């Protein structure tokens, strides 16, 4: 594989995740749009809401690792080199950040900040 083709990645993820891939893409797109709309509406970051979202993000990172272990043919004991551990850390970090953003957004639209 001499060049990176996005369609190859799409095919691999489709094979691994099945219909869950499209649900995840929908959640990412809608969640990002709702987050940006919330930031434009409030024009600030609510620190109390952010701390709650960060704690929920820890659980999201763990769930991302569980999902990774379920859809891949290897487990955490198969990780041998630095690249494997970097990928594990990256999956945890993306799960943490994504969950924190989604939880912050949901909390923001359910309980708007007081002016």
Protein backbone atom coordinates (compact mmCIF):
# COMPACT_ATOMS: atom_id res chain seq x y z
CA UNK A 1 0.00 0.00 0.00
CA UNK A 2 1.95 2.95 -1.30
CA UNK A 3 -0.70 5.64 -0.86
CA UNK A 4 -3.47 6.33 1.59
CA UNK A 5 -6.92 6.01 0.09
CA UNK A 6 -9.83 7.16 2.30
CA UNK A 7 -12.14 4.66 0.64
CA UNK A 8 -9.92 1.81 1.84
CA UNK A 9 -10.27 3.08 5.41
CA UNK A 10 -14.02 3.38 4.95
CA UNK A 11 -14.21 -0.19 3.67
CA UNK A 12 -12.14 -1.52 6.57
CA UNK A 13 -14.20 0.33 9.18
CA UNK A 14 -17.43 -0.80 7.49
CA UNK A 15 -16.22 -4.39 7.64
CA UNK A 16 -15.24 -4.09 11.30
CA UNK A 17 -18.19 -2.10 12.65
CA UNK A 18 -21.02 -2.85 10.22
CA UNK A 19 -24.07 -0.60 10.65
CA UNK A 20 -22.58 0.81 13.88
CA UNK A 21 -20.15 2.83 11.72
CA UNK A 22 -22.95 4.89 10.18
CA UNK A 23 -24.57 5.44 13.57
CA UNK A 24 -21.24 6.65 14.96
CA UNK A 25 -20.75 9.02 12.00
CA UNK A 26 -24.27 10.41 12.50
CA UNK A 27 -23.64 10.97 16.22
CA UNK A 28 -20.34 12.72 15.44
CA UNK A 29 -21.88 15.05 12.86
CA UNK A 30 -25.01 15.91 14.87
CA UNK A 31 -23.09 16.18 18.14
CA UNK A 32 -20.49 18.51 16.63
CA UNK A 33 -23.17 20.73 15.09
CA UNK A 34 -25.06 20.88 18.41
CA UNK A 35 -21.83 21.68 20.29
CA UNK A 36 -20.94 24.53 17.93
CA UNK A 37 -24.51 25.87 18.13
CA UNK A 38 -24.34 25.75 21.94
CA UNK A 39 -21.04 27.64 21.96
CA UNK A 40 -22.43 30.28 19.62
CA UNK A 41 -25.56 30.63 21.76
CA UNK A 42 -23.82 30.86 25.14
CA UNK A 43 -20.56 32.49 23.99
CA UNK A 44 -18.72 30.92 26.92
CA UNK A 45 -17.67 27.61 28.45
CA UNK A 46 -19.45 26.65 31.65
CA UNK A 47 -16.75 25.23 33.95
CA UNK A 48 -19.09 23.25 36.21
CA UNK A 49 -20.67 21.55 33.20
CA UNK A 50 -17.22 20.93 31.69
CA UNK A 51 -15.96 19.13 34.81
CA UNK A 52 -19.01 16.85 34.79
CA UNK A 53 -18.48 16.14 31.10
CA UNK A 54 -14.80 15.32 31.67
CA UNK A 55 -15.68 12.76 34.33
CA UNK A 56 -18.16 11.16 31.94
CA UNK A 57 -15.43 11.23 29.30
CA UNK A 58 -13.36 8.80 31.36
CA UNK A 59 -16.12 6.23 31.02
CA UNK A 60 -16.34 7.01 27.30
CA UNK A 61 -12.63 6.31 26.89
CA UNK A 62 -13.00 2.95 28.59
CA UNK A 63 -16.03 2.10 26.43
CA UNK A 64 -14.03 3.03 23.31
CA UNK A 65 -11.34 0.54 24.37
CA UNK A 66 -13.96 -2.15 24.97
CA UNK A 67 -15.44 -1.50 21.52
CA UNK A 68 -11.96 -1.66 19.98
CA UNK A 69 -11.29 -5.01 21.64
CA UNK A 70 -14.66 -6.38 20.46
CA UNK A 71 -14.28 -5.43 16.79
CA UNK A 72 -10.60 -6.30 16.38
CA UNK A 73 -9.14 -9.77 16.23
CA UNK A 74 -6.59 -9.01 18.94
CA UNK A 75 -6.75 -8.02 22.58
CA UNK A 76 -4.71 -5.81 24.86
CA UNK A 77 -2.30 -8.63 25.69
CA UNK A 78 -1.29 -8.74 22.00
CA UNK A 79 0.05 -5.17 22.09
CA UNK A 80 3.78 -5.50 21.68
CA UNK A 81 5.38 -2.34 20.44
CA UNK A 82 5.12 1.38 20.96
CA UNK A 83 2.86 1.78 17.93
CA UNK A 84 0.30 -0.58 19.47
CA UNK A 85 0.31 1.28 22.76
CA UNK A 86 0.09 4.61 20.93
CA UNK A 87 -2.99 3.35 19.08
CA UNK A 88 -4.56 2.17 22.36
CA UNK A 89 -3.90 5.58 23.93
CA UNK A 90 -5.30 7.30 20.84
CA UNK A 91 -8.52 5.26 20.95
CA UNK A 92 -8.92 6.04 24.67
CA UNK A 93 -8.26 9.74 24.07
CA UNK A 94 -10.73 9.99 21.20
CA UNK A 95 -13.38 8.17 23.22
CA UNK A 96 -12.75 10.46 26.18
CA UNK A 97 -12.87 13.67 24.12
CA UNK A 98 -15.88 12.62 22.07
CA UNK A 99 -17.88 11.58 25.10
CA UNK A 100 -16.96 14.75 27.00
CA UNK A 101 -18.09 16.93 24.09
CA UNK A 102 -21.35 15.03 23.70
CA UNK A 103 -22.12 15.09 27.45
CA UNK A 104 -21.26 18.81 27.67
CA UNK A 105 -23.58 19.47 24.74
CA UNK A 106 -26.47 17.43 26.14
CA UNK A 107 -26.11 19.07 29.56
CA UNK A 108 -25.92 22.50 27.93
CA UNK A 109 -29.11 22.09 25.96
CA UNK A 110 -30.97 20.50 28.88
CA UNK A 111 -29.83 22.98 31.54
CA UNK A 112 -28.87 26.30 29.93
CA UNK A 113 -26.37 28.47 31.79
CA UNK A 114 -27.81 31.33 33.82
CA UNK A 115 -26.99 34.77 32.45
